[in-house]
Amino acid sequence: MGSPETPLWSYREIAAHIGVKPATVKSYRRQGILPPPDLVDGLGRPCWWPATIHAWVKRRPHNRG
């Protein structure tokens, strides 16, 4: 879904993309609204490929994307 040239997104990038605060995106994850991360880095931080988030935005409740 991604490539080495495509950077993974954190809560911050997802929040900027959908026009909410990073805390809202974290809440979405806790509630099971956000798709599972594509990768969890060595520090335990979840990351997603932009394509994963683009697909999710198309079907998420209250679509703003």
C-alpha atoms as a PDB file:
ATOM      1  CA  MET A   1       0.000   0.000   0.000  1.00  0.00           C
ATOM      2  CA  GLY A   2       2.947   2.289   0.554  1.00  0.00           C
ATOM      3  CA  SER A   3       6.481   2.535  -0.669  1.00  0.00           C
ATOM      4  CA  PRO A   4       9.791   3.706   0.781  1.00  0.00           C
ATOM      5  CA  GLU A   5       9.202   7.074  -0.926  1.00  0.00           C
ATOM      6  CA  THR A   6       5.803   7.521   0.745  1.00  0.00           C
ATOM      7  CA  PRO A   7       6.099   8.621   4.359  1.00  0.00           C
ATOM      8  CA  LEU A   8       3.824   7.028   6.905  1.00  0.00           C
ATOM      9  CA  TRP A   9       1.336   9.247   8.727  1.00  0.00           C
ATOM     10  CA  SER A  10       1.078   9.727  12.469  1.00  0.00           C
ATOM     11  CA  TYR A  11      -1.886  11.101  14.391  1.00  0.00           C
ATOM     12  CA  ARG A  12      -0.697  14.607  13.474  1.00  0.00           C
ATOM     13  CA  GLU A  13      -0.800  14.077   9.709  1.00  0.00           C
ATOM     14  CA  ILE A  14      -4.150  12.296   9.872  1.00  0.00           C
ATOM     15  CA  ALA A  15      -5.586  15.123  11.970  1.00  0.00           C
ATOM     16  CA  ALA A  16      -4.349  17.747   9.508  1.00  0.00           C
ATOM     17  CA  HIS A  17      -5.815  15.780   6.602  1.00  0.00           C
ATOM     18  CA  ILE A  18      -9.303  15.522   8.106  1.00  0.00           C
ATOM     19  CA  GLY A  19      -9.358  18.889   9.889  1.00  0.00           C
ATOM     20  CA  VAL A  20      -9.417  17.772  13.523  1.00  0.00           C
ATOM     21  CA  LYS A  21      -6.979  17.796  16.438  1.00  0.00           C
ATOM     22  CA  PRO A  22      -4.528  14.904  16.975  1.00  0.00           C
ATOM     23  CA  ALA A  23      -6.335  14.106  20.241  1.00  0.00           C
ATOM     24  CA  THR A  24      -9.506  13.478  18.224  1.00  0.00           C
ATOM     25  CA  VAL A  25      -7.685  10.989  16.007  1.00  0.00           C
ATOM     26  CA  LYS A  26      -6.312   9.228  19.095  1.00  0.00           C
ATOM     27  CA  SER A  27      -9.869   9.051  20.416  1.00  0.00           C
ATOM     28  CA  TYR A  28     -11.005   7.533  17.110  1.00  0.00           C
ATOM     29  CA  ARG A  29      -8.388   4.822  17.543  1.00  0.00           C
ATOM     30  CA  ARG A  30      -9.447   4.069  21.128  1.00  0.00           C
ATOM     31  CA  GLN A  31     -13.063   3.833  19.956  1.00  0.00           C
ATOM     32  CA  GLY A  32     -12.160   1.500  17.084  1.00  0.00           C
ATOM     33  CA  ILE A  33     -13.165   4.060  14.442  1.00  0.00           C
ATOM     34  CA  LEU A  34      -9.689   4.438  12.936  1.00  0.00           C
ATOM     35  CA  PRO A  35      -8.323   1.498  10.940  1.00  0.00           C
ATOM     36  CA  PRO A  36      -5.575  -0.548  12.588  1.00  0.00           C
ATOM     37  CA  PRO A  37      -2.105   0.926  12.073  1.00  0.00           C
ATOM     38  CA  ASP A  38      -0.101  -0.292   9.104  1.00  0.00           C
ATOM     39  CA  LEU A  39       3.004  -0.198  11.282  1.00  0.00           C
ATOM     40  CA  VAL A  40       3.921   0.381  14.909  1.00  0.00           C
ATOM     41  CA  ASP A  41       7.436   1.762  15.213  1.00  0.00           C
ATOM     42  CA  GLY A  42      10.066   0.659  17.709  1.00  0.00           C
ATOM     43  CA  LEU A  43       8.779   3.206  20.232  1.00  0.00           C
ATOM     44  CA  GLY A  44       5.215   1.903  20.000  1.00  0.00           C
ATOM     45  CA  ARG A  45       3.904   4.778  17.868  1.00  0.00           C
ATOM     46  CA  PRO A  46       1.254   3.753  15.329  1.00  0.00           C
ATOM     47  CA  CYS A  47       1.631   4.841  11.705  1.00  0.00           C
ATOM     48  CA  TRP A  48      -0.548   4.544   8.616  1.00  0.00           C
ATOM     49  CA  TRP A  49       0.068   4.704   4.876  1.00  0.00           C
ATOM     50  CA  PRO A  50      -1.712   7.716   3.371  1.00  0.00           C
ATOM     51  CA  ALA A  51      -3.666   5.340   1.111  1.00  0.00           C
ATOM     52  CA  THR A  52      -5.064   3.570   4.187  1.00  0.00           C
ATOM     53  CA  ILE A  53      -6.324   6.869   5.551  1.00  0.00           C
ATOM     54  CA  HIS A  54      -7.673   8.062   2.197  1.00  0.00           C
ATOM     55  CA  ALA A  55      -9.756   4.870   1.914  1.00  0.00           C
ATOM     56  CA  TRP A  56     -10.961   5.240   5.509  1.00  0.00           C
ATOM     57  CA  VAL A  57     -11.945   8.896   4.996  1.00  0.00           C
ATOM     58  CA  LYS A  58     -14.252   7.903   2.140  1.00  0.00           C
ATOM     59  CA  ARG A  59     -16.262   5.637   4.426  1.00  0.00           C
ATOM     60  CA  ARG A  60     -15.884   7.201   7.879  1.00  0.00           C
ATOM     61  CA  PRO A  61     -18.806   8.723   9.766  1.00  0.00           C
ATOM     62  CA  HIS A  62     -19.038  12.521   9.433  1.00  0.00           C
ATOM     63  CA  ASN A  63     -16.844  12.429   6.337  1.00  0.00           C
ATOM     64  CA  ARG A  64     -14.927  15.693   6.029  1.00  0.00           C
ATOM     65  CA  GLY A  65     -12.289  14.477   3.588  1.00  0.00           C
END
